[in-house]
Amino acid sequence: MICIGLMGCSEDDSISTNETVDNGILLVGETTSTNFPNLQNKGKSDAVVIKIK
């Protein structure tokens, strides 16, 4: 399986997308991937918060 982008290789869902006061983007979601970049898995699914400036 080939995985590219910000995600891992399993189910990754965005739950909310918001603009921040400094014009960034805040993504809130959930992942069941065991290889999501820069994330230590703590359970069956994990919350993910990503800020894009």
PDB file of N, CA and C in Angstrom:
ATOM      1  N   MET A   1       0.843  -1.184   0.000  1.00  0.00           N
ATOM      2  CA  MET A   1       0.000   0.000   0.000  1.00  0.00           C
ATOM      3  C   MET A   1       0.886   1.245   0.000  1.00  0.00           C
ATOM      4  N   ILE A   2       0.540   2.186  -0.844  1.00  0.00           N
ATOM      5  CA  ILE A   2       1.273   3.449  -0.918  1.00  0.00           C
ATOM      6  C   ILE A   2       0.454   4.528  -0.226  1.00  0.00           C
ATOM      7  N   CYS A   3       1.081   5.230   0.701  1.00  0.00           N
ATOM      8  CA  CYS A   3       0.396   6.289   1.446  1.00  0.00           C
ATOM      9  C   CYS A   3       1.150   7.593   1.218  1.00  0.00           C
ATOM     10  N   ILE A   4       0.423   8.651   0.864  1.00  0.00           N
ATOM     11  CA  ILE A   4       1.053   9.952   0.642  1.00  0.00           C
ATOM     12  C   ILE A   4       0.263  11.039   1.344  1.00  0.00           C
ATOM     13  N   GLY A   5       0.904  12.172   1.592  1.00  0.00           N
ATOM     14  CA  GLY A   5       0.205  13.310   2.189  1.00  0.00           C
ATOM     15  C   GLY A   5       0.353  13.356   3.703  1.00  0.00           C
ATOM     16  N   LEU A   6      -0.600  14.023   4.353  1.00  0.00           N
ATOM     17  CA  LEU A   6      -0.574  14.196   5.807  1.00  0.00           C
ATOM     18  C   LEU A   6      -1.097  12.991   6.568  1.00  0.00           C
ATOM     19  N   MET A   7      -1.653  12.010   5.875  1.00  0.00           N
ATOM     20  CA  MET A   7      -2.385  10.945   6.538  1.00  0.00           C
ATOM     21  C   MET A   7      -1.569   9.671   6.699  1.00  0.00           C
ATOM     22  N   GLY A   8      -2.166   8.730   7.436  1.00  0.00           N
ATOM     23  CA  GLY A   8      -1.624   7.388   7.535  1.00  0.00           C
ATOM     24  C   GLY A   8      -2.312   6.509   6.510  1.00  0.00           C
ATOM     25  N   CYS A   9      -2.217   5.208   6.716  1.00  0.00           N
ATOM     26  CA  CYS A   9      -2.748   4.265   5.722  1.00  0.00           C
ATOM     27  C   CYS A   9      -4.105   3.679   6.089  1.00  0.00           C
ATOM     28  N   SER A  10      -4.692   4.077   7.192  1.00  0.00           N
ATOM     29  CA  SER A  10      -6.030   3.593   7.552  1.00  0.00           C
ATOM     30  C   SER A  10      -7.026   4.739   7.470  1.00  0.00           C
ATOM     31  N   GLU A  11      -8.107   4.631   8.218  1.00  0.00           N
ATOM     32  CA  GLU A  11      -9.153   5.651   8.138  1.00  0.00           C
ATOM     33  C   GLU A  11      -8.758   6.905   8.917  1.00  0.00           C
ATOM     34  N   ASP A  12      -8.716   8.024   8.223  1.00  0.00           N
ATOM     35  CA  ASP A  12      -8.404   9.329   8.803  1.00  0.00           C
ATOM     36  C   ASP A  12      -9.533  10.274   8.429  1.00  0.00           C
ATOM     37  N   ASP A  13     -10.195  10.859   9.426  1.00  0.00           N
ATOM     38  CA  ASP A  13     -11.359  11.709   9.178  1.00  0.00           C
ATOM     39  C   ASP A  13     -11.166  13.100   9.749  1.00  0.00           C
ATOM     40  N   SER A  14     -11.551  14.105   8.970  1.00  0.00           N
ATOM     41  CA  SER A  14     -11.608  15.470   9.456  1.00  0.00           C
ATOM     42  C   SER A  14     -13.003  15.705  10.029  1.00  0.00           C
ATOM     43  N   ILE A  15     -13.062  16.186  11.251  1.00  0.00           N
ATOM     44  CA  ILE A  15     -14.338  16.446  11.913  1.00  0.00           C
ATOM     45  C   ILE A  15     -14.693  17.928  11.847  1.00  0.00           C
ATOM     46  N   SER A  16     -13.662  18.769  11.919  1.00  0.00           N
ATOM     47  CA  SER A  16     -13.909  20.205  11.939  1.00  0.00           C
ATOM     48  C   SER A  16     -12.738  20.933  11.292  1.00  0.00           C
ATOM     49  N   THR A  17     -13.038  22.006  10.574  1.00  0.00           N
ATOM     50  CA  THR A  17     -12.022  22.875   9.980  1.00  0.00           C
ATOM     51  C   THR A  17     -12.401  24.307  10.324  1.00  0.00           C
ATOM     52  N   ASN A  18     -11.454  25.031  10.918  1.00  0.00           N
ATOM     53  CA  ASN A  18     -11.734  26.404  11.345  1.00  0.00           C
ATOM     54  C   ASN A  18     -10.571  27.317  10.988  1.00  0.00           C
ATOM     55  N   GLU A  19     -10.889  28.572  10.697  1.00  0.00           N
ATOM     56  CA  GLU A  19      -9.860  29.577  10.488  1.00  0.00           C
ATOM     57  C   GLU A  19      -9.491  30.186  11.831  1.00  0.00           C
ATOM     58  N   THR A  20      -8.193  30.357  12.075  1.00  0.00           N
ATOM     59  CA  THR A  20      -7.727  30.940  13.332  1.00  0.00           C
ATOM     60  C   THR A  20      -7.597  32.459  13.187  1.00  0.00           C
ATOM     61  N   VAL A  21      -7.431  33.159  14.308  1.00  0.00           N
ATOM     62  CA  VAL A  21      -7.344  34.625  14.285  1.00  0.00           C
ATOM     63  C   VAL A  21      -6.111  35.117  13.519  1.00  0.00           C
ATOM     64  N   ASP A  22      -5.080  34.269  13.389  1.00  0.00           N
ATOM     65  CA  ASP A  22      -3.879  34.659  12.642  1.00  0.00           C
ATOM     66  C   ASP A  22      -3.915  34.142  11.198  1.00  0.00           C
ATOM     67  N   ASN A  23      -5.130  33.860  10.702  1.00  0.00           N
ATOM     68  CA  ASN A  23      -5.376  33.417   9.326  1.00  0.00           C
ATOM     69  C   ASN A  23      -4.807  32.040   9.006  1.00  0.00           C
ATOM     70  N   GLY A  24      -4.565  31.238  10.023  1.00  0.00           N
ATOM     71  CA  GLY A  24      -4.172  29.854   9.820  1.00  0.00           C
ATOM     72  C   GLY A  24      -5.420  28.987   9.699  1.00  0.00           C
ATOM     73  N   ILE A  25      -5.197  27.708   9.517  1.00  0.00           N
ATOM     74  CA  ILE A  25      -6.299  26.755   9.442  1.00  0.00           C
ATOM     75  C   ILE A  25      -6.077  25.691  10.507  1.00  0.00           C
ATOM     76  N   LEU A  26      -7.115  25.408  11.267  1.00  0.00           N
ATOM     77  CA  LEU A  26      -7.057  24.400  12.315  1.00  0.00           C
ATOM     78  C   LEU A  26      -7.939  23.224  11.887  1.00  0.00           C
ATOM     79  N   LEU A  27      -7.317  22.055  11.740  1.00  0.00           N
ATOM     80  CA  LEU A  27      -8.036  20.837  11.385  1.00  0.00           C
ATOM     81  C   LEU A  27      -8.125  19.955  12.623  1.00  0.00           C
ATOM     82  N   VAL A  28      -9.315  19.483  12.928  1.00  0.00           N
ATOM     83  CA  VAL A  28      -9.526  18.576  14.056  1.00  0.00           C
ATOM     84  C   VAL A  28     -10.138  17.308  13.482  1.00  0.00           C
ATOM     85  N   GLY A  29      -9.571  16.181  13.876  1.00  0.00           N
ATOM     86  CA  GLY A  29     -10.074  14.931  13.332  1.00  0.00           C
ATOM     87  C   GLY A  29      -9.711  13.732  14.175  1.00  0.00           C
ATOM     88  N   GLU A  30      -9.803  12.580  13.524  1.00  0.00           N
ATOM     89  CA  GLU A  30      -9.594  11.308  14.201  1.00  0.00           C
ATOM     90  C   GLU A  30      -8.889  10.362  13.227  1.00  0.00           C
ATOM     91  N   THR A  31      -8.004   9.521  13.754  1.00  0.00           N
ATOM     92  CA  THR A  31      -7.318   8.548  12.925  1.00  0.00           C
ATOM     93  C   THR A  31      -7.307   7.173  13.587  1.00  0.00           C
ATOM     94  N   THR A  32      -7.390   6.153  12.769  1.00  0.00           N
ATOM     95  CA  THR A  32      -7.185   4.776  13.231  1.00  0.00           C
ATOM     96  C   THR A  32      -5.887   4.238  12.641  1.00  0.00           C
ATOM     97  N   SER A  33      -5.147   5.088  11.930  1.00  0.00           N
ATOM     98  CA  SER A  33      -3.883   4.680  11.323  1.00  0.00           C
ATOM     99  C   SER A  33      -2.820   4.458  12.386  1.00  0.00           C
ATOM    100  N   THR A  34      -2.029   3.424  12.203  1.00  0.00           N
ATOM    101  CA  THR A  34      -0.908   3.173  13.120  1.00  0.00           C
ATOM    102  C   THR A  34       0.367   3.846  12.624  1.00  0.00           C
ATOM    103  N   ASN A  35       0.311   4.474  11.463  1.00  0.00           N
ATOM    104  CA  ASN A  35       1.496   5.124  10.902  1.00  0.00           C
ATOM    105  C   ASN A  35       1.239   6.591  10.541  1.00  0.00           C
ATOM    106  N   PHE A  36       0.310   7.242  11.256  1.00  0.00           N
ATOM    107  CA  PHE A  36       0.046   8.659  11.030  1.00  0.00           C
ATOM    108  C   PHE A  36       1.312   9.429  11.405  1.00  0.00           C
ATOM    109  N   PRO A  37       1.819  10.339  10.539  1.00  0.00           N
ATOM    110  CA  PRO A  37       3.076  11.043  10.817  1.00  0.00           C
ATOM    111  C   PRO A  37       3.054  11.815  12.140  1.00  0.00           C
ATOM    112  N   ASN A  38       4.122  11.700  12.910  1.00  0.00           N
ATOM    113  CA  ASN A  38       4.330  12.440  14.163  1.00  0.00           C
ATOM    114  C   ASN A  38       3.246  12.203  15.207  1.00  0.00           C
ATOM    115  N   LEU A  39       2.696  11.001  15.272  1.00  0.00           N
ATOM    116  CA  LEU A  39       1.655  10.680  16.243  1.00  0.00           C
ATOM    117  C   LEU A  39       1.974   9.352  16.916  1.00  0.00           C
ATOM    118  N   GLN A  40       1.971   9.346  18.240  1.00  0.00           N
ATOM    119  CA  GLN A  40       2.110   8.102  18.990  1.00  0.00           C
ATOM    120  C   GLN A  40       0.713   7.590  19.286  1.00  0.00           C
ATOM    121  N   ASN A  41       0.394   6.438  18.740  1.00  0.00           N
ATOM    122  CA  ASN A  41      -0.941   5.873  18.938  1.00  0.00           C
ATOM    123  C   ASN A  41      -1.156   5.503  20.399  1.00  0.00           C
ATOM    124  N   LYS A  42      -2.325   5.850  20.916  1.00  0.00           N
ATOM    125  CA  LYS A  42      -2.662   5.595  22.319  1.00  0.00           C
ATOM    126  C   LYS A  42      -3.877   4.698  22.468  1.00  0.00           C
ATOM    127  N   GLY A  43      -4.496   4.293  21.376  1.00  0.00           N
ATOM    128  CA  GLY A  43      -5.689   3.451  21.468  1.00  0.00           C
ATOM    129  C   GLY A  43      -6.174   3.063  20.094  1.00  0.00           C
ATOM    130  N   LYS A  44      -7.395   2.559  20.032  1.00  0.00           N
ATOM    131  CA  LYS A  44      -7.967   2.129  18.752  1.00  0.00           C
ATOM    132  C   LYS A  44      -8.080   3.290  17.771  1.00  0.00           C
ATOM    133  N   SER A  45      -8.487   4.463  18.275  1.00  0.00           N
ATOM    134  CA  SER A  45      -8.494   5.678  17.456  1.00  0.00           C
ATOM    135  C   SER A  45      -7.924   6.820  18.281  1.00  0.00           C
ATOM    136  N   ASP A  46      -7.376   7.799  17.598  1.00  0.00           N
ATOM    137  CA  ASP A  46      -6.725   8.922  18.265  1.00  0.00           C
ATOM    138  C   ASP A  46      -7.221  10.232  17.693  1.00  0.00           C
ATOM    139  N   ALA A  47      -7.350  11.235  18.557  1.00  0.00           N
ATOM    140  CA  ALA A  47      -7.694  12.596  18.118  1.00  0.00           C
ATOM    141  C   ALA A  47      -6.474  13.226  17.476  1.00  0.00           C
ATOM    142  N   VAL A  48      -6.706  14.036  16.463  1.00  0.00           N
ATOM    143  CA  VAL A  48      -5.619  14.718  15.765  1.00  0.00           C
ATOM    144  C   VAL A  48      -5.998  16.180  15.613  1.00  0.00           C
ATOM    145  N   VAL A  49      -5.069  17.073  15.959  1.00  0.00           N
ATOM    146  CA  VAL A  49      -5.255  18.520  15.737  1.00  0.00           C
ATOM    147  C   VAL A  49      -4.052  18.992  14.959  1.00  0.00           C
ATOM    148  N   ILE A  50      -4.306  19.590  13.801  1.00  0.00           N
ATOM    149  CA  ILE A  50      -3.236  20.073  12.929  1.00  0.00           C
ATOM    150  C   ILE A  50      -3.483  21.543  12.658  1.00  0.00           C
ATOM    151  N   LYS A  51      -2.441  22.379  12.852  1.00  0.00           N
ATOM    152  CA  LYS A  51      -2.554  23.800  12.510  1.00  0.00           C
ATOM    153  C   LYS A  51      -1.684  24.054  11.287  1.00  0.00           C
ATOM    154  N   ILE A  52      -2.319  24.640  10.270  1.00  0.00           N
ATOM    155  CA  ILE A  52      -1.611  25.008   9.052  1.00  0.00           C
ATOM    156  C   ILE A  52      -1.565  26.511   8.994  1.00  0.00           C
ATOM    157  N   LYS A  53      -0.399  27.074   8.904  1.00  0.00           N
ATOM    158  CA  LYS A  53      -0.221  28.529   8.893  1.00  0.00           C
ATOM    159  C   LYS A  53      -0.247  29.032   7.495  1.00  0.00           C
TER     160      LYS A  53
END
